[in-house]
Amino acid sequence: MSQSYIKNIAHEEIVTMAEQVSIQKGQVVSKTLAQNGAVSITIFAFDKNEEIGSHDSSGDAMVTVLEGTGKFTVDGIEYILKQGETLIMPAKKPHAVFATEAFKMLLVVVFPIE
């Protein structure tokens, strides 16, 4: 049996990423697809007005909006991303996410190799 590094999603099958998580009233829903010392891949679904408060990460974070629109604040600068748009949030810079409307995103964080 082979090792699976990506979990919680079908293998060898065409999938639509936005369909892998559902928006739930008053919540931020997440589904982790991979997580280890080098990388983290997670899909999120935000209901309108939900948020992840300001924090930082030791790795570079790349977000791609899969559906809807979200507001990302990186080191005090606001970015509005729509479906299909991507933003890199550099390591060690504070960042936050706010759902101006219900939306879904894919987050990939690449960590430094120690």
N, C-alpha and C. Protein backbone atom coordinates (compact mmCIF):
# COMPACT_ATOMS: atom_id res chain seq x y z
N MET A 1 0.85 -1.18 0.00
CA MET A 1 0.00 0.00 0.00
C MET A 1 0.89 1.25 0.00
N SER A 2 0.56 2.21 -0.84
CA SER A 2 1.37 3.43 -0.95
C SER A 2 0.93 4.45 0.10
N GLN A 3 1.86 5.32 0.43
CA GLN A 3 1.63 6.40 1.41
C GLN A 3 0.84 7.52 0.75
N SER A 4 -0.19 8.03 1.41
CA SER A 4 -0.94 9.19 0.92
C SER A 4 -0.49 10.42 1.70
N TYR A 5 -0.02 11.42 0.98
CA TYR A 5 0.42 12.66 1.62
C TYR A 5 -0.68 13.71 1.61
N ILE A 6 -1.61 13.58 0.67
CA ILE A 6 -2.78 14.45 0.62
C ILE A 6 -3.98 13.63 1.06
N LYS A 7 -4.73 14.15 2.04
CA LYS A 7 -5.82 13.40 2.64
C LYS A 7 -7.14 14.17 2.51
N ASN A 8 -8.23 13.53 2.88
CA ASN A 8 -9.56 14.14 2.95
C ASN A 8 -10.08 14.64 1.60
N ILE A 9 -9.58 14.08 0.52
CA ILE A 9 -10.02 14.44 -0.82
C ILE A 9 -9.76 13.25 -1.74
N ALA A 10 -10.61 13.07 -2.74
CA ALA A 10 -10.48 11.93 -3.64
C ALA A 10 -9.17 11.98 -4.42
N HIS A 11 -8.57 10.83 -4.60
CA HIS A 11 -7.36 10.69 -5.40
C HIS A 11 -7.74 10.11 -6.77
N GLU A 12 -6.99 10.48 -7.77
CA GLU A 12 -7.18 10.00 -9.14
C GLU A 12 -8.62 10.21 -9.63
N GLU A 13 -9.13 11.40 -9.30
CA GLU A 13 -10.49 11.77 -9.66
C GLU A 13 -10.53 13.29 -9.82
N ILE A 14 -11.23 13.77 -10.81
CA ILE A 14 -11.36 15.22 -10.99
C ILE A 14 -12.33 15.75 -9.94
N VAL A 15 -11.89 16.77 -9.20
CA VAL A 15 -12.74 17.36 -8.16
C VAL A 15 -12.79 18.88 -8.36
N THR A 16 -13.82 19.49 -7.83
CA THR A 16 -13.93 20.94 -7.78
C THR A 16 -13.62 21.36 -6.36
N MET A 17 -12.54 22.12 -6.20
CA MET A 17 -12.10 22.47 -4.85
C MET A 17 -13.18 23.17 -4.04
N ALA A 18 -13.92 24.09 -4.64
CA ALA A 18 -14.95 24.83 -3.90
C ALA A 18 -16.03 23.90 -3.34
N GLU A 19 -16.22 22.75 -3.96
CA GLU A 19 -17.25 21.81 -3.49
C GLU A 19 -16.77 20.94 -2.33
N GLN A 20 -15.52 21.08 -1.94
CA GLN A 20 -14.96 20.23 -0.88
C GLN A 20 -15.30 20.73 0.52
N VAL A 21 -15.79 21.97 0.64
CA VAL A 21 -16.24 22.52 1.93
C VAL A 21 -17.55 23.26 1.71
N SER A 22 -18.37 23.29 2.75
CA SER A 22 -19.66 23.97 2.68
C SER A 22 -19.69 25.16 3.62
N ILE A 23 -20.32 26.23 3.18
CA ILE A 23 -20.50 27.41 4.04
C ILE A 23 -21.58 27.06 5.06
N GLN A 24 -21.28 27.32 6.34
CA GLN A 24 -22.23 27.06 7.41
C GLN A 24 -22.48 28.35 8.16
N LYS A 25 -23.74 28.62 8.45
CA LYS A 25 -24.14 29.88 9.07
C LYS A 25 -23.34 30.16 10.34
N GLY A 26 -22.74 31.36 10.40
CA GLY A 26 -22.04 31.82 11.57
C GLY A 26 -20.71 31.12 11.86
N GLN A 27 -20.15 30.47 10.85
CA GLN A 27 -18.94 29.69 11.09
C GLN A 27 -17.85 29.90 10.05
N VAL A 28 -16.65 29.53 10.44
CA VAL A 28 -15.54 29.33 9.52
C VAL A 28 -15.28 27.83 9.53
N VAL A 29 -15.41 27.21 8.38
CA VAL A 29 -15.22 25.77 8.26
C VAL A 29 -13.90 25.52 7.55
N SER A 30 -13.13 24.54 8.03
CA SER A 30 -11.87 24.22 7.36
C SER A 30 -11.74 22.72 7.15
N LYS A 31 -11.00 22.37 6.11
CA LYS A 31 -10.68 20.98 5.81
C LYS A 31 -9.20 20.92 5.46
N THR A 32 -8.42 20.21 6.27
CA THR A 32 -6.99 20.09 6.03
C THR A 32 -6.74 18.98 5.01
N LEU A 33 -5.97 19.31 3.98
CA LEU A 33 -5.63 18.34 2.96
C LEU A 33 -4.22 17.78 3.14
N ALA A 34 -3.32 18.58 3.69
CA ALA A 34 -1.96 18.12 3.97
C ALA A 34 -1.36 19.00 5.05
N GLN A 35 -0.56 18.38 5.92
CA GLN A 35 0.12 19.17 6.94
C GLN A 35 1.33 18.39 7.42
N ASN A 36 2.50 19.04 7.29
CA ASN A 36 3.74 18.48 7.82
C ASN A 36 4.68 19.64 8.09
N GLY A 37 5.92 19.37 8.36
CA GLY A 37 6.86 20.42 8.70
C GLY A 37 7.20 21.36 7.57
N ALA A 38 6.89 20.97 6.34
CA ALA A 38 7.25 21.78 5.17
C ALA A 38 6.09 22.52 4.55
N VAL A 39 4.88 21.96 4.65
CA VAL A 39 3.73 22.55 3.95
C VAL A 39 2.43 22.26 4.69
N SER A 40 1.48 23.17 4.52
CA SER A 40 0.12 22.98 5.02
C SER A 40 -0.83 23.41 3.91
N ILE A 41 -1.81 22.56 3.60
CA ILE A 41 -2.80 22.87 2.57
C ILE A 41 -4.18 22.70 3.21
N THR A 42 -4.96 23.78 3.21
CA THR A 42 -6.28 23.76 3.85
C THR A 42 -7.28 24.52 2.99
N ILE A 43 -8.51 24.01 2.93
CA ILE A 43 -9.61 24.71 2.26
C ILE A 43 -10.50 25.29 3.36
N PHE A 44 -10.94 26.52 3.16
CA PHE A 44 -11.81 27.20 4.13
C PHE A 44 -13.10 27.65 3.47
N ALA A 45 -14.17 27.67 4.27
CA ALA A 45 -15.45 28.27 3.87
C ALA A 45 -15.85 29.23 5.00
N PHE A 46 -16.05 30.50 4.66
CA PHE A 46 -16.42 31.54 5.61
C PHE A 46 -17.85 31.98 5.35
N ASP A 47 -18.66 32.05 6.38
CA ASP A 47 -19.95 32.70 6.25
C ASP A 47 -19.70 34.21 6.26
N LYS A 48 -20.65 34.97 5.72
CA LYS A 48 -20.52 36.43 5.69
C LYS A 48 -20.26 36.97 7.10
N ASN A 49 -19.32 37.92 7.18
CA ASN A 49 -18.92 38.61 8.42
C ASN A 49 -18.11 37.76 9.38
N GLU A 50 -17.74 36.55 9.00
CA GLU A 50 -16.85 35.73 9.84
C GLU A 50 -15.42 36.12 9.53
N GLU A 51 -14.51 35.81 10.45
CA GLU A 51 -13.12 36.22 10.26
C GLU A 51 -12.14 35.33 10.99
N ILE A 52 -10.89 35.43 10.58
CA ILE A 52 -9.75 34.90 11.32
C ILE A 52 -8.94 36.14 11.68
N GLY A 53 -8.81 36.39 12.97
CA GLY A 53 -8.13 37.59 13.44
C GLY A 53 -6.65 37.62 13.08
N SER A 54 -6.05 38.75 13.33
CA SER A 54 -4.65 38.98 12.98
C SER A 54 -3.72 37.99 13.68
N HIS A 55 -2.82 37.42 12.90
CA HIS A 55 -1.82 36.48 13.38
C HIS A 55 -0.68 36.48 12.38
N ASP A 56 0.40 35.77 12.70
CA ASP A 56 1.46 35.62 11.71
C ASP A 56 1.84 34.15 11.61
N SER A 57 2.71 33.86 10.68
CA SER A 57 3.13 32.49 10.42
C SER A 57 4.63 32.48 10.14
N SER A 58 5.27 31.38 10.44
CA SER A 58 6.69 31.25 10.14
C SER A 58 6.93 30.95 8.67
N GLY A 59 5.86 30.65 7.93
CA GLY A 59 5.99 30.36 6.50
C GLY A 59 5.23 31.35 5.65
N ASP A 60 5.54 31.36 4.35
CA ASP A 60 4.78 32.16 3.39
C ASP A 60 3.42 31.50 3.17
N ALA A 61 2.36 32.31 3.19
CA ALA A 61 1.00 31.81 3.00
C ALA A 61 0.46 32.31 1.67
N MET A 62 -0.03 31.38 0.84
CA MET A 62 -0.63 31.73 -0.44
C MET A 62 -2.11 31.39 -0.38
N VAL A 63 -2.97 32.39 -0.59
CA VAL A 63 -4.41 32.16 -0.61
C VAL A 63 -4.94 32.36 -2.03
N THR A 64 -5.86 31.48 -2.41
CA THR A 64 -6.58 31.61 -3.67
C THR A 64 -8.06 31.54 -3.35
N VAL A 65 -8.81 32.56 -3.76
CA VAL A 65 -10.25 32.56 -3.53
C VAL A 65 -10.90 31.64 -4.55
N LEU A 66 -11.68 30.69 -4.05
CA LEU A 66 -12.35 29.70 -4.90
C LEU A 66 -13.76 30.13 -5.28
N GLU A 67 -14.37 30.95 -4.41
CA GLU A 67 -15.77 31.35 -4.62
C GLU A 67 -16.03 32.56 -3.75
N GLY A 68 -16.73 33.57 -4.28
CA GLY A 68 -17.08 34.74 -3.49
C GLY A 68 -15.96 35.76 -3.42
N THR A 69 -15.99 36.58 -2.36
CA THR A 69 -15.04 37.67 -2.17
C THR A 69 -14.62 37.73 -0.70
N GLY A 70 -13.32 37.93 -0.47
CA GLY A 70 -12.81 38.05 0.89
C GLY A 70 -11.86 39.23 1.02
N LYS A 71 -11.75 39.74 2.24
CA LYS A 71 -10.83 40.84 2.53
C LYS A 71 -9.66 40.29 3.34
N PHE A 72 -8.46 40.54 2.85
CA PHE A 72 -7.24 40.08 3.50
C PHE A 72 -6.44 41.31 3.90
N THR A 73 -6.03 41.37 5.14
CA THR A 73 -5.22 42.47 5.63
C THR A 73 -3.84 41.92 5.94
N VAL A 74 -2.82 42.47 5.28
CA VAL A 74 -1.44 42.02 5.45
C VAL A 74 -0.60 43.21 5.89
N ASP A 75 -0.07 43.14 7.10
CA ASP A 75 0.77 44.20 7.63
C ASP A 75 0.09 45.57 7.51
N GLY A 76 -1.23 45.60 7.77
CA GLY A 76 -2.00 46.84 7.76
C GLY A 76 -2.57 47.25 6.41
N ILE A 77 -2.25 46.53 5.34
CA ILE A 77 -2.75 46.87 4.00
C ILE A 77 -3.87 45.90 3.64
N GLU A 78 -5.02 46.45 3.19
CA GLU A 78 -6.18 45.63 2.83
C GLU A 78 -6.17 45.27 1.36
N TYR A 79 -6.52 44.02 1.08
CA TYR A 79 -6.64 43.50 -0.28
C TYR A 79 -8.00 42.82 -0.39
N ILE A 80 -8.74 43.14 -1.44
CA ILE A 80 -10.01 42.48 -1.71
C ILE A 80 -9.76 41.49 -2.85
N LEU A 81 -10.00 40.21 -2.57
CA LEU A 81 -9.79 39.16 -3.56
C LEU A 81 -11.11 38.55 -3.96
N LYS A 82 -11.24 38.33 -5.27
CA LYS A 82 -12.43 37.68 -5.83
C LYS A 82 -12.05 36.31 -6.36
N GLN A 83 -13.06 35.55 -6.75
CA GLN A 83 -12.85 34.20 -7.27
C GLN A 83 -11.72 34.16 -8.30
N GLY A 84 -10.80 33.23 -8.10
CA GLY A 84 -9.70 33.04 -9.04
C GLY A 84 -8.47 33.88 -8.74
N GLU A 85 -8.57 34.81 -7.79
CA GLU A 85 -7.42 35.66 -7.47
C GLU A 85 -6.61 35.07 -6.32
N THR A 86 -5.30 35.34 -6.35
CA THR A 86 -4.35 34.79 -5.39
C THR A 86 -3.53 35.90 -4.77
N LEU A 87 -3.19 35.74 -3.49
CA LEU A 87 -2.35 36.69 -2.77
C LEU A 87 -1.34 35.91 -1.93
N ILE A 88 -0.10 36.37 -1.94
CA ILE A 88 0.93 35.81 -1.08
C ILE A 88 1.06 36.70 0.15
N MET A 89 0.96 36.08 1.32
CA MET A 89 1.13 36.79 2.59
C MET A 89 2.47 36.33 3.15
N PRO A 90 3.48 37.22 3.13
CA PRO A 90 4.84 36.81 3.52
C PRO A 90 4.94 36.35 4.98
N ALA A 91 5.87 35.45 5.20
CA ALA A 91 6.16 34.94 6.54
C ALA A 91 6.43 36.09 7.50
N LYS A 92 5.99 35.91 8.72
CA LYS A 92 6.25 36.83 9.84
C LYS A 92 5.57 38.19 9.73
N LYS A 93 4.72 38.39 8.71
CA LYS A 93 3.94 39.63 8.64
C LYS A 93 2.54 39.32 9.16
N PRO A 94 2.00 40.17 10.05
CA PRO A 94 0.65 39.91 10.55
C PRO A 94 -0.37 39.99 9.43
N HIS A 95 -1.33 39.06 9.48
CA HIS A 95 -2.38 39.05 8.47
C HIS A 95 -3.69 38.56 9.10
N ALA A 96 -4.80 38.96 8.46
CA ALA A 96 -6.14 38.60 8.92
C ALA A 96 -7.03 38.39 7.70
N VAL A 97 -8.13 37.67 7.92
CA VAL A 97 -9.09 37.38 6.85
C VAL A 97 -10.48 37.74 7.33
N PHE A 98 -11.25 38.43 6.47
CA PHE A 98 -12.63 38.82 6.81
C PHE A 98 -13.52 38.53 5.61
N ALA A 99 -14.67 37.92 5.86
CA ALA A 99 -15.63 37.58 4.81
C ALA A 99 -16.58 38.75 4.58
N THR A 100 -16.32 39.55 3.54
CA THR A 100 -17.23 40.63 3.18
C THR A 100 -18.54 40.05 2.63
N GLU A 101 -18.47 38.82 2.15
CA GLU A 101 -19.61 38.00 1.77
C GLU A 101 -19.17 36.57 2.02
N ALA A 102 -20.09 35.63 1.96
CA ALA A 102 -19.70 34.23 2.13
C ALA A 102 -18.70 33.90 1.02
N PHE A 103 -17.60 33.24 1.41
CA PHE A 103 -16.61 32.88 0.40
C PHE A 103 -15.82 31.65 0.82
N LYS A 104 -15.09 31.09 -0.16
CA LYS A 104 -14.25 29.92 0.06
C LYS A 104 -12.86 30.21 -0.46
N MET A 105 -11.86 29.63 0.21
CA MET A 105 -10.49 29.86 -0.23
C MET A 105 -9.64 28.62 0.00
N LEU A 106 -8.57 28.54 -0.77
CA LEU A 106 -7.55 27.52 -0.60
C LEU A 106 -6.33 28.21 -0.02
N LEU A 107 -5.79 27.65 1.06
CA LEU A 107 -4.61 28.19 1.71
C LEU A 107 -3.47 27.19 1.61
N VAL A 108 -2.33 27.64 1.10
CA VAL A 108 -1.12 26.83 1.06
C VAL A 108 -0.04 27.61 1.82
N VAL A 109 0.51 26.99 2.86
CA VAL A 109 1.59 27.62 3.61
C VAL A 109 2.85 26.78 3.41
N VAL A 110 3.93 27.44 3.01
CA VAL A 110 5.22 26.77 2.82
C VAL A 110 6.14 27.26 3.93
N PHE A 111 6.62 26.31 4.73
CA PHE A 111 7.43 26.62 5.89
C PHE A 111 8.92 26.51 5.56
N PRO A 112 9.76 27.25 6.31
CA PRO A 112 11.20 27.13 6.09
C PRO A 112 11.69 25.76 6.53
N ILE A 113 12.66 25.24 5.83
CA ILE A 113 13.29 23.98 6.21
C ILE A 113 14.34 24.29 7.28
N GLU A 114 14.21 23.64 8.40
CA GLU A 114 15.15 23.92 9.51
C GLU A 114 16.24 22.89 9.56
